[in-house]
């Protein structure tokens, strides 16, 4: 069961939450959706709103879902779900039902789907997008992350709901 909390009540360290524990970025409807594992992103305040920002390459199946929808979710899990997150980062939803293969249960939400197994969910409304421009790299070594020139699109979303698992 989830309880809705204020975004400012999140106690997790965002560096650990995103960079070490990982998250699933999910967009679409429960009957037509996709998710992907991510370890790049952040949380903060922008334009006087609590926001998340995440990065999706245009080559990812999730990209089209992010582009077509006004909302997305970020789902965070207990360590026991690491193999599910690894699978969702390794295989494409174009080729298989990776959500079912990962043993995850999509939840219907009025804005964006998320997963019943998550311990923390952020439902976000897109506010802004920007493509990474390699000409703007001040540290040119960052180009090593793009050997195929498939630069991420940055999504900034207002955190409109935070759901915390209460068991």
Protein backbone atom coordinates (compact mmCIF):
# COMPACT_ATOMS: atom_id res chain seq x y z
CA UNK A 1 0.00 0.00 0.00
CA UNK A 2 1.25 3.49 -0.86
CA UNK A 3 0.87 6.69 1.12
CA UNK A 4 1.15 10.05 -0.59
CA UNK A 5 3.78 12.31 0.97
CA UNK A 6 5.05 15.82 0.34
CA UNK A 7 8.10 15.88 -1.98
CA UNK A 8 10.01 17.74 0.73
CA UNK A 9 9.47 14.76 3.08
CA UNK A 10 11.69 12.45 0.98
CA UNK A 11 14.50 11.33 3.27
CA UNK A 12 16.65 9.44 0.74
CA UNK A 13 20.02 10.71 -0.40
CA UNK A 14 19.45 11.49 -4.12
CA UNK A 15 23.01 10.49 -5.05
CA UNK A 16 22.44 7.03 -3.60
CA UNK A 17 18.83 6.77 -4.70
CA UNK A 18 19.59 7.46 -8.37
CA UNK A 19 23.27 6.82 -8.92
CA UNK A 20 23.70 3.69 -6.82
CA UNK A 21 20.25 2.15 -6.34
CA UNK A 22 18.93 3.12 -9.82
CA UNK A 23 15.38 3.89 -10.91
CA UNK A 24 12.86 2.99 -13.57
CA UNK A 25 11.67 5.81 -15.83
CA UNK A 26 8.18 4.91 -17.04
CA UNK A 27 5.74 6.60 -19.41
CA UNK A 28 2.58 5.62 -21.24
CA UNK A 29 -0.67 3.97 -20.25
CA UNK A 30 -0.91 0.61 -18.50
CA UNK A 31 -1.89 -1.06 -21.79
CA UNK A 32 0.80 0.75 -23.81
CA UNK A 33 3.86 1.74 -21.83
CA UNK A 34 7.55 1.27 -21.49
CA UNK A 35 10.12 1.54 -18.76
CA UNK A 36 13.88 1.79 -18.65
CA UNK A 37 16.51 1.63 -15.96
CA UNK A 38 18.44 4.81 -15.29
CA UNK A 39 21.24 5.88 -12.99
CA UNK A 40 21.60 9.42 -14.29
CA UNK A 41 19.29 12.14 -13.07
CA UNK A 42 18.50 14.26 -10.10
CA UNK A 43 16.05 15.96 -7.80
CA UNK A 44 15.89 19.58 -6.79
CA UNK A 45 14.00 22.83 -6.98
CA UNK A 46 13.61 24.82 -10.19
CA UNK A 47 11.12 27.55 -11.07
CA UNK A 48 9.95 27.38 -7.43
CA UNK A 49 8.79 23.79 -7.93
CA UNK A 50 10.11 20.44 -6.71
CA UNK A 51 11.51 18.80 -9.84
CA UNK A 52 13.17 15.70 -11.15
CA UNK A 53 15.39 15.57 -14.16
CA UNK A 54 16.21 12.47 -16.13
CA UNK A 55 17.96 11.58 -19.35
CA UNK A 56 16.72 9.38 -22.20
CA UNK A 57 18.54 8.65 -25.43
CA UNK A 58 16.44 8.89 -28.62
CA UNK A 59 17.44 5.31 -29.45
CA UNK A 60 15.59 3.98 -26.39
CA UNK A 61 12.04 2.63 -26.78
CA UNK A 62 11.00 4.70 -23.76
CA UNK A 63 11.89 7.90 -25.64
CA UNK A 64 8.73 7.83 -27.80
CA UNK A 65 6.56 7.29 -24.73
CA UNK A 66 8.24 10.22 -22.97
CA UNK A 67 7.72 12.42 -26.01
CA UNK A 68 4.04 11.50 -26.43
CA UNK A 69 2.97 11.93 -22.80
CA UNK A 70 2.78 14.87 -20.43
CA UNK A 71 3.63 12.75 -17.36
CA UNK A 72 6.22 10.14 -16.40
CA UNK A 73 7.10 8.31 -13.22
CA UNK A 74 10.33 7.46 -11.45
CA UNK A 75 10.14 4.25 -9.41
CA UNK A 76 12.69 3.24 -6.79
CA UNK A 77 13.02 -0.26 -5.33
CA UNK A 78 14.50 -2.27 -2.50
CA UNK A 79 17.85 -3.97 -3.28
CA UNK A 80 16.09 -7.32 -3.78
CA UNK A 81 14.78 -5.96 -7.12
CA UNK A 82 18.25 -5.32 -8.56
CA UNK A 83 17.94 -8.17 -11.09
CA UNK A 84 14.62 -6.72 -12.33
CA UNK A 85 16.30 -3.34 -12.81
CA UNK A 86 19.22 -4.98 -14.60
CA UNK A 87 16.82 -6.75 -16.97
CA UNK A 88 14.88 -3.54 -17.68
CA UNK A 89 18.15 -1.84 -18.59
CA UNK A 90 19.45 -4.69 -20.73
CA UNK A 91 16.51 -5.60 -22.98
CA UNK A 92 14.20 -3.47 -25.10
CA UNK A 93 10.46 -3.28 -24.73
CA UNK A 94 10.36 -3.31 -28.54
CA UNK A 95 11.44 -6.95 -28.51
CA UNK A 96 9.89 -8.47 -25.40
CA UNK A 97 7.50 -7.82 -22.54
CA UNK A 98 10.34 -6.93 -20.21
CA UNK A 99 7.99 -5.69 -17.50
CA UNK A 100 6.40 -9.15 -17.20
CA UNK A 101 9.81 -10.81 -17.57
CA UNK A 102 11.12 -8.69 -14.69
CA UNK A 103 8.18 -9.77 -12.52
CA UNK A 104 6.86 -6.23 -12.13
CA UNK A 105 3.21 -5.23 -11.77
CA UNK A 106 2.16 -1.95 -13.42
CA UNK A 107 -0.18 0.25 -11.38
CA UNK A 108 -2.78 2.39 -13.05
CA UNK A 109 -2.42 6.03 -12.17
CA UNK A 110 -4.29 9.07 -13.35
CA UNK A 111 -1.07 10.53 -14.75
CA UNK A 112 1.61 7.89 -15.37
CA UNK A 113 2.05 4.18 -14.68
CA UNK A 114 4.41 2.98 -11.99
CA UNK A 115 5.08 -0.35 -10.25
CA UNK A 116 3.39 -1.96 -7.29
CA UNK A 117 6.72 -3.38 -6.10
CA UNK A 118 8.37 0.06 -5.81
CA UNK A 119 9.21 1.50 -2.41
CA UNK A 120 9.10 5.12 -3.61
CA UNK A 121 7.44 6.64 -6.68
CA UNK A 122 7.64 10.16 -8.08
CA UNK A 123 4.94 11.12 -10.55
CA UNK A 124 6.19 14.00 -12.67
CA UNK A 125 4.65 16.45 -15.14
CA UNK A 126 6.99 17.44 -17.95
CA UNK A 127 7.98 21.10 -17.82
CA UNK A 128 10.96 21.31 -20.16
CA UNK A 129 13.14 19.28 -22.50
CA UNK A 130 16.54 19.97 -23.95
CA UNK A 131 18.83 17.89 -26.13
CA UNK A 132 22.43 17.58 -25.01
CA UNK A 133 24.57 19.56 -27.42
CA UNK A 134 28.15 18.25 -27.67
CA UNK A 135 29.32 21.71 -28.72
CA UNK A 136 28.44 22.86 -25.19
CA UNK A 137 30.74 20.36 -23.41
CA UNK A 138 33.21 22.38 -21.38
CA UNK A 139 34.87 19.14 -20.30
CA UNK A 140 35.37 17.53 -23.71
CA UNK A 141 36.10 14.14 -22.13
CA UNK A 142 32.32 13.80 -21.61
CA UNK A 143 32.03 12.96 -25.31
CA UNK A 144 33.30 9.47 -24.40
CA UNK A 145 29.78 8.69 -23.16
CA UNK A 146 28.46 9.13 -26.72
CA UNK A 147 30.53 6.99 -29.11
CA UNK A 148 27.44 6.67 -31.35
CA UNK A 149 26.51 10.37 -31.10
CA UNK A 150 23.17 9.39 -29.52
CA UNK A 151 22.96 12.35 -27.17
CA UNK A 152 20.39 12.28 -24.39
CA UNK A 153 17.31 14.42 -24.15
CA UNK A 154 16.97 15.96 -20.68
CA UNK A 155 13.47 15.93 -19.20
CA UNK A 156 12.68 18.27 -16.33
CA UNK A 157 9.43 17.41 -14.59
CA UNK A 158 7.52 18.89 -11.70
CA UNK A 159 7.09 16.29 -8.96
CA UNK A 160 3.31 16.36 -8.61
CA UNK A 161 2.93 13.28 -6.38
CA UNK A 162 5.22 11.20 -4.20
CA UNK A 163 4.09 7.76 -3.13
CA UNK A 164 5.90 5.88 -0.37
CA UNK A 165 5.31 2.20 0.33
CA UNK A 166 3.82 1.56 3.77
CA UNK A 167 3.83 -2.15 4.63
